[in-house]
Amino acid sequence: MMSEAAALSNRQVEVIRGQNHRFMLIPIIEHHARWFDAGPVSIAVEARALGDSAENLVRGPSIHVFSADRQAEHLRFDVFGKVLHYHYIHHAEGHNTLWGYDPDTNGPMIPWVIAALRDRLPVMLRRAGATALAGRVEEMGWDSSVLTEVESAATAALAPRDDELLRAKEGMDWMYRWKALHPEFNTVGEGEY
């Protein structure tokens, strides 16, 4: 039987703290996403898969928080790979700040994401520089009832699928095309934003 510590931690490096990435994130692959409109924001759960073989495959949900018109992404939670993490997306600066997620301290990431969105969405939007959107969320409210379906879709994205190698190749091709257009991709600076 696996110990609880081994079951909760999949990281191979220490938790990343406020790593500045001087590039914008790879855009969502729309046809792998399920959208949830929630008033001034829209949330997408993308079933991500990346890798070049079954041995190098990572899969899981990427949970995206956009403006209601789906034009600007402000927050992203990546529940896959060696280091679970989330991003604040800073449009004015054209970069993002990555924070690693510590499952040993916080437990499984998907319930944590749901709680963070339910309880801290305006604060997180402000941290990403989306001050006006944060104000609209506070003034108008938002339909947090979608979080039940967001959690279900994110949990479903963890499961193996018959098409995962095809999706992984598509994801890698998407990433390489993005990198060709944005050579600054993967430039990193340490420190809190």
Protein backbone atom coordinates (compact mmCIF):
# COMPACT_ATOMS: atom_id res chain seq x y z
CA MET A 1 0.00 0.00 0.00
CA MET A 2 1.25 3.50 -0.90
CA SER A 3 1.75 5.98 1.90
CA GLU A 4 -0.42 9.09 1.97
CA ALA A 5 2.63 11.31 1.37
CA ALA A 6 3.54 9.38 -1.77
CA ALA A 7 -0.03 9.52 -3.07
CA LEU A 8 -0.33 13.29 -2.66
CA SER A 9 3.04 14.37 -4.01
CA ASN A 10 3.98 13.95 -7.64
CA ARG A 11 6.63 16.64 -7.72
CA GLN A 12 10.24 15.99 -8.61
CA VAL A 13 11.46 19.47 -7.72
CA GLU A 14 10.72 21.87 -4.90
CA VAL A 15 7.68 24.11 -5.16
CA ILE A 16 8.23 27.06 -7.50
CA ARG A 17 7.62 30.46 -5.89
CA GLY A 18 6.69 33.39 -8.08
CA GLN A 19 8.72 32.62 -11.17
CA ASN A 20 8.36 35.38 -13.79
CA HIS A 21 7.99 34.16 -17.36
CA ARG A 22 8.60 36.92 -19.89
CA PHE A 23 6.18 35.49 -22.43
CA MET A 24 2.49 34.82 -22.84
CA LEU A 25 1.20 31.31 -22.33
CA ILE A 26 0.38 28.86 -25.09
CA PRO A 27 -3.25 29.50 -26.05
CA ILE A 28 -6.01 27.08 -25.20
CA ILE A 29 -6.85 24.36 -27.71
CA GLU A 30 -10.53 25.21 -28.10
CA HIS A 31 -11.82 21.82 -29.25
CA HIS A 32 -10.38 20.16 -26.13
CA ALA A 33 -12.14 22.62 -23.82
CA ARG A 34 -15.51 22.75 -22.16
CA TRP A 35 -16.74 26.26 -21.35
CA PHE A 36 -18.75 27.51 -18.37
CA ASP A 37 -20.17 31.04 -18.59
CA ALA A 38 -20.45 32.66 -15.17
CA GLY A 39 -21.46 36.30 -15.56
CA PRO A 40 -18.42 38.59 -15.90
CA VAL A 41 -16.07 35.60 -16.28
CA SER A 42 -15.97 32.41 -18.33
CA ILE A 43 -14.13 29.32 -17.16
CA ALA A 44 -12.78 26.69 -19.54
CA VAL A 45 -11.61 23.22 -18.58
CA GLU A 46 -9.19 21.95 -21.20
CA ALA A 47 -8.30 18.26 -21.29
CA ARG A 48 -4.56 18.67 -21.87
CA ALA A 49 -2.20 15.97 -23.09
CA LEU A 50 1.46 16.50 -23.94
CA GLY A 51 4.27 14.13 -24.89
CA ASP A 52 5.84 12.23 -27.73
CA SER A 53 5.15 8.67 -26.51
CA ALA A 54 3.13 6.70 -23.98
CA GLU A 55 6.17 6.75 -21.66
CA ASN A 56 6.52 10.54 -21.83
CA LEU A 57 2.82 11.39 -21.70
CA VAL A 58 1.33 13.85 -19.24
CA ARG A 59 -2.38 14.53 -19.13
CA GLY A 60 -4.84 16.37 -16.97
CA PRO A 61 -6.95 19.48 -16.78
CA SER A 62 -5.90 23.02 -17.46
CA ILE A 63 -8.49 25.31 -15.86
CA HIS A 64 -8.63 28.74 -17.52
CA VAL A 65 -10.33 31.90 -16.21
CA PHE A 66 -11.23 34.36 -18.97
CA SER A 67 -13.23 37.54 -19.28
CA ALA A 68 -16.89 36.88 -20.19
CA ASP A 69 -16.19 37.52 -23.88
CA ARG A 70 -13.44 34.84 -23.78
CA GLN A 71 -10.92 37.26 -25.26
CA ALA A 72 -8.52 37.66 -22.33
CA GLU A 73 -7.28 34.87 -20.07
CA HIS A 74 -6.24 36.04 -16.59
CA LEU A 75 -5.66 32.86 -14.53
CA ARG A 76 -4.62 29.33 -15.42
CA PHE A 77 -4.37 26.26 -13.20
CA ASP A 78 -2.38 23.34 -14.68
CA VAL A 79 -3.12 20.03 -12.97
CA PHE A 80 -0.71 17.85 -14.93
CA GLY A 81 2.97 17.17 -15.36
CA LYS A 82 5.82 16.86 -12.88
CA VAL A 83 5.07 20.16 -11.17
CA LEU A 84 1.45 21.13 -10.53
CA HIS A 85 1.18 24.90 -10.87
CA TYR A 86 -0.89 27.97 -11.64
CA HIS A 87 -0.33 31.24 -13.50
CA TYR A 88 -1.25 34.89 -13.12
CA ILE A 89 -1.38 36.27 -16.67
CA HIS A 90 -0.26 39.90 -16.93
CA HIS A 91 -1.47 41.29 -20.27
CA ALA A 92 -0.06 44.80 -19.81
CA GLU A 93 3.46 43.41 -19.37
CA GLY A 94 3.08 40.51 -21.82
CA HIS A 95 4.18 37.91 -19.29
CA ASN A 96 2.94 35.55 -16.60
CA THR A 97 3.94 34.59 -13.09
CA LEU A 98 4.00 30.89 -12.25
CA TRP A 99 3.46 29.51 -8.75
CA GLY A 100 4.01 25.85 -7.97
CA TYR A 101 1.31 23.99 -6.07
CA ASP A 102 2.25 21.96 -2.99
CA PRO A 103 -0.07 18.92 -2.68
CA ASP A 104 1.59 17.81 0.56
CA THR A 105 0.37 20.96 2.30
CA ASN A 106 -2.82 21.70 0.36
CA GLY A 107 -4.08 18.26 -0.66
CA PRO A 108 -5.32 17.39 -4.15
CA MET A 109 -5.18 20.40 -6.46
CA ILE A 110 -8.61 20.32 -8.14
CA PRO A 111 -10.60 20.88 -4.89
CA TRP A 112 -8.09 23.60 -3.97
CA VAL A 113 -8.66 25.36 -7.33
CA ILE A 114 -12.42 25.23 -6.86
CA ALA A 115 -12.13 26.71 -3.34
CA ALA A 116 -9.72 29.41 -4.56
CA LEU A 117 -12.09 30.44 -7.35
CA ARG A 118 -15.12 30.40 -5.05
CA ASP A 119 -13.46 32.31 -2.20
CA ARG A 120 -10.66 34.39 -3.77
CA LEU A 121 -11.50 35.15 -7.42
CA PRO A 122 -11.43 38.99 -7.17
CA VAL A 123 -8.14 38.94 -5.24
CA MET A 124 -6.54 36.62 -7.79
CA LEU A 125 -7.82 38.70 -10.72
CA ARG A 126 -6.28 41.81 -9.16
CA ARG A 127 -2.98 39.96 -8.74
CA ALA A 128 -3.09 39.29 -12.48
CA GLY A 129 -3.67 43.00 -13.15
CA ALA A 130 -7.35 42.55 -14.11
CA THR A 131 -8.51 45.23 -11.67
CA ALA A 132 -11.60 46.33 -13.61
CA LEU A 133 -12.78 42.72 -14.02
CA ALA A 134 -12.21 42.06 -10.31
CA GLY A 135 -14.38 45.09 -9.54
CA ARG A 136 -17.16 43.82 -11.82
CA VAL A 137 -17.03 40.41 -10.10
CA GLU A 138 -17.38 42.12 -6.71
CA GLU A 139 -20.13 44.52 -7.85
CA MET A 140 -22.19 42.19 -10.03
CA GLY A 141 -21.27 38.89 -8.45
CA TRP A 142 -20.63 35.86 -10.59
CA ASP A 143 -22.31 32.50 -11.07
CA SER A 144 -20.17 30.32 -8.84
CA SER A 145 -22.71 27.50 -9.23
CA VAL A 146 -20.73 26.48 -12.37
CA LEU A 147 -17.91 25.33 -10.10
CA THR A 148 -19.62 21.98 -9.50
CA GLU A 149 -19.48 21.24 -13.23
CA VAL A 150 -15.97 22.73 -13.52
CA GLU A 151 -14.79 20.30 -10.84
CA SER A 152 -16.47 17.35 -12.58
CA ALA A 153 -14.95 18.27 -15.96
CA ALA A 154 -11.49 18.74 -14.40
CA THR A 155 -11.69 15.38 -12.62
CA ALA A 156 -12.78 13.69 -15.86
CA ALA A 157 -9.75 15.19 -17.65
CA LEU A 158 -7.46 13.19 -15.33
CA ALA A 159 -8.71 9.87 -16.71
CA PRO A 160 -6.96 8.04 -19.57
CA ARG A 161 -8.65 8.33 -22.95
CA ASP A 162 -8.30 6.33 -26.14
CA ASP A 163 -7.18 9.41 -28.07
CA GLU A 164 -4.57 10.66 -25.59
CA LEU A 165 -1.52 9.95 -27.78
CA LEU A 166 -3.16 11.77 -30.67
CA ARG A 167 -4.05 14.67 -28.34
CA ALA A 168 -0.51 14.66 -26.91
CA LYS A 169 0.99 14.98 -30.40
CA GLU A 170 -1.46 17.75 -31.21
CA GLY A 171 -0.54 19.51 -27.95
CA MET A 172 3.19 19.27 -28.67
CA ASP A 173 2.70 20.50 -32.25
CA TRP A 174 0.65 23.43 -30.88
CA MET A 175 3.41 24.24 -28.39
CA TYR A 176 6.17 24.09 -31.06
CA ARG A 177 4.17 26.37 -33.40
CA TRP A 178 3.70 28.84 -30.52
CA LYS A 179 7.39 28.72 -29.69
CA ALA A 180 8.35 29.35 -33.34
CA LEU A 181 6.20 32.50 -33.34
CA HIS A 182 7.33 33.57 -29.87
CA PRO A 183 11.05 32.86 -29.44
CA GLU A 184 10.96 34.41 -25.97
CA PHE A 185 8.92 31.38 -24.85
CA ASN A 186 10.46 29.73 -21.77
CA THR A 187 12.60 32.68 -20.69
CA VAL A 188 12.34 32.78 -16.91
CA GLY A 189 13.30 35.21 -14.18
CA GLU A 190 13.28 34.39 -10.48
CA GLY A 191 11.48 36.45 -7.87
CA GLU A 192 8.03 37.46 -6.87
CA TYR A 193 5.97 39.67 -9.13
